[in-house]
């Protein structure tokens, strides 16, 4: 027997009737509608605001604020040398378009080449930015770098 999406049935007892509140005394949940009498929680829209801790200093105000987020930070798609070592053969020309086409640089961001891993091939690499160590490794092997 094939199981089809349209033939699925709920297990018995999983669907429970919603409690009907505030529809008169005869329902058993009329009058104050199970909210008790008076007080903050009995009112519509009642209850403490988000983060309120009964007058105790709220957590968000107890935690120290540290650090700084630079609003002008430039984000790069990072590519390590070990990836280039595995994917390309000696003498290949590597451009941002090729890296994006091969899903090496996934985001549509400027590309930065970092020096993680070993490189044993001379490659011609075009990228937006290079780390100093990556630059040295590429040039020492006879490769070329070009900043776009």
Protein backbone atom coordinates (compact mmCIF):
# COMPACT_ATOMS: atom_id res chain seq x y z
CA UNK A 1 0.00 0.00 0.00
CA UNK A 2 1.43 3.35 -1.06
CA UNK A 3 1.24 6.12 1.47
CA UNK A 4 0.14 9.37 -0.10
CA UNK A 5 0.17 12.83 1.42
CA UNK A 6 -3.56 13.27 0.90
CA UNK A 7 -4.36 10.03 2.73
CA UNK A 8 -2.55 10.86 5.99
CA UNK A 9 -4.75 10.90 9.08
CA UNK A 10 -4.08 12.32 12.52
CA UNK A 11 -3.47 9.87 15.34
CA UNK A 12 -6.46 9.50 17.63
CA UNK A 13 -6.53 12.05 20.42
CA UNK A 14 -4.17 14.54 18.81
CA UNK A 15 -6.81 17.06 17.86
CA UNK A 16 -8.28 18.72 20.92
CA UNK A 17 -11.21 21.12 20.96
CA UNK A 18 -10.25 24.71 21.81
CA UNK A 19 -11.46 25.98 25.17
CA UNK A 20 -14.20 28.54 24.47
CA UNK A 21 -13.86 31.46 26.85
CA UNK A 22 -16.09 34.46 27.57
CA UNK A 23 -19.37 33.18 26.08
CA UNK A 24 -21.62 33.41 29.10
CA UNK A 25 -21.98 31.79 32.50
CA UNK A 26 -23.47 28.59 31.10
CA UNK A 27 -20.23 27.69 29.35
CA UNK A 28 -18.42 27.42 32.66
CA UNK A 29 -15.86 29.93 31.39
CA UNK A 30 -17.94 33.11 31.34
CA UNK A 31 -17.82 36.14 33.61
CA UNK A 32 -14.14 36.84 34.21
CA UNK A 33 -13.20 34.39 31.43
CA UNK A 34 -10.78 32.35 33.58
CA UNK A 35 -8.64 35.44 34.26
CA UNK A 36 -9.50 35.77 37.92
CA UNK A 37 -10.78 39.06 39.33
CA UNK A 38 -9.13 42.42 38.82
CA UNK A 39 -5.40 42.98 38.66
CA UNK A 40 -2.94 43.56 35.86
CA UNK A 41 -3.37 40.18 34.22
CA UNK A 42 -7.18 40.41 34.19
CA UNK A 43 -7.17 43.48 31.95
CA UNK A 44 -7.06 43.37 28.17
CA UNK A 45 -3.54 44.08 27.02
CA UNK A 46 -2.46 43.48 30.59
CA UNK A 47 0.69 41.79 31.75
CA UNK A 48 4.17 43.19 32.14
CA UNK A 49 6.07 44.51 29.14
CA UNK A 50 8.76 42.44 27.48
CA UNK A 51 11.88 42.16 29.63
CA UNK A 52 10.14 43.35 32.82
CA UNK A 53 11.40 41.45 35.88
CA UNK A 54 9.10 42.69 38.62
CA UNK A 55 11.06 45.83 39.35
CA UNK A 56 14.39 43.99 39.57
CA UNK A 57 17.02 45.48 37.26
CA UNK A 58 16.35 43.74 33.92
CA UNK A 59 18.96 41.40 32.47
CA UNK A 60 19.50 43.57 29.41
CA UNK A 61 20.51 46.45 31.69
CA UNK A 62 22.63 44.30 34.04
CA UNK A 63 24.92 42.97 31.31
CA UNK A 64 27.87 45.26 30.50
CA UNK A 65 27.92 46.78 27.05
CA UNK A 66 31.25 46.20 25.35
CA UNK A 67 32.77 46.40 21.94
CA UNK A 68 32.13 48.36 18.83
CA UNK A 69 30.59 47.52 15.47
CA UNK A 70 32.08 49.46 12.62
CA UNK A 71 29.23 50.63 10.38
CA UNK A 72 31.68 51.07 7.46
CA UNK A 73 33.14 47.53 7.65
CA UNK A 74 33.75 45.93 4.27
CA UNK A 75 32.85 42.26 3.99
CA UNK A 76 34.75 39.87 1.74
CA UNK A 77 34.13 36.38 0.38
CA UNK A 78 37.17 34.47 1.65
CA UNK A 79 39.10 31.96 -0.45
CA UNK A 80 42.04 30.04 1.02
CA UNK A 81 45.09 28.89 -0.94
CA UNK A 82 44.40 25.23 -0.11
CA UNK A 83 41.15 25.44 -2.11
CA UNK A 84 42.98 26.93 -5.11
CA UNK A 85 45.62 24.18 -4.78
CA UNK A 86 42.95 21.46 -5.02
CA UNK A 87 40.75 22.97 -7.75
CA UNK A 88 43.25 24.41 -10.27
CA UNK A 89 46.26 23.16 -12.22
CA UNK A 90 49.59 25.03 -12.68
CA UNK A 91 49.42 28.14 -14.84
CA UNK A 92 45.62 28.52 -14.60
CA UNK A 93 44.22 32.02 -14.54
CA UNK A 94 41.82 32.55 -11.66
CA UNK A 95 39.33 35.42 -11.70
CA UNK A 96 36.44 36.34 -9.38
CA UNK A 97 33.98 35.24 -12.10
CA UNK A 98 35.57 31.76 -12.28
CA UNK A 99 35.54 31.43 -8.48
CA UNK A 100 31.84 32.33 -8.36
CA UNK A 101 30.98 29.98 -11.24
CA UNK A 102 32.69 27.08 -9.40
CA UNK A 103 30.88 28.03 -6.15
CA UNK A 104 34.18 28.63 -4.37
CA UNK A 105 33.20 32.22 -3.55
CA UNK A 106 29.53 31.79 -2.75
CA UNK A 107 28.38 35.32 -2.05
CA UNK A 108 28.43 38.13 -4.56
CA UNK A 109 31.05 39.98 -2.51
CA UNK A 110 34.57 41.19 -3.26
CA UNK A 111 37.05 38.31 -2.94
CA UNK A 112 39.96 38.12 -0.54
CA UNK A 113 42.65 35.45 -0.84
CA UNK A 114 44.01 34.15 2.47
CA UNK A 115 47.11 32.01 3.06
CA UNK A 116 45.65 29.00 4.85
CA UNK A 117 47.05 25.77 3.44
CA UNK A 118 50.03 25.12 1.18
CA UNK A 119 50.38 26.10 -2.44
CA UNK A 120 52.73 24.15 -4.76
CA UNK A 121 51.66 25.55 -8.14
CA UNK A 122 52.28 28.84 -9.92
CA UNK A 123 48.87 30.43 -10.48
CA UNK A 124 47.72 33.72 -12.01
CA UNK A 125 45.23 35.11 -9.54
CA UNK A 126 42.95 38.13 -9.87
CA UNK A 127 41.14 39.15 -6.69
CA UNK A 128 40.05 42.26 -4.85
CA UNK A 129 42.38 41.76 -1.90
CA UNK A 130 45.21 39.46 -0.73
CA UNK A 131 46.64 38.84 2.72
CA UNK A 132 50.38 39.61 2.95
CA UNK A 133 51.26 35.96 3.59
CA UNK A 134 49.15 34.78 0.64
CA UNK A 135 50.86 37.34 -1.60
CA UNK A 136 54.30 36.08 -0.55
CA UNK A 137 53.37 32.41 -1.06
CA UNK A 138 51.97 33.02 -4.55
CA UNK A 139 54.87 35.20 -5.72
CA UNK A 140 57.54 32.86 -4.27
CA UNK A 141 56.22 30.05 -6.48
CA UNK A 142 56.39 32.21 -9.61
CA UNK A 143 52.68 33.00 -9.68
CA UNK A 144 51.21 36.41 -10.36
CA UNK A 145 48.66 38.47 -8.49
CA UNK A 146 46.44 41.23 -9.77
CA UNK A 147 44.11 43.38 -7.71
CA UNK A 148 40.77 44.16 -9.37
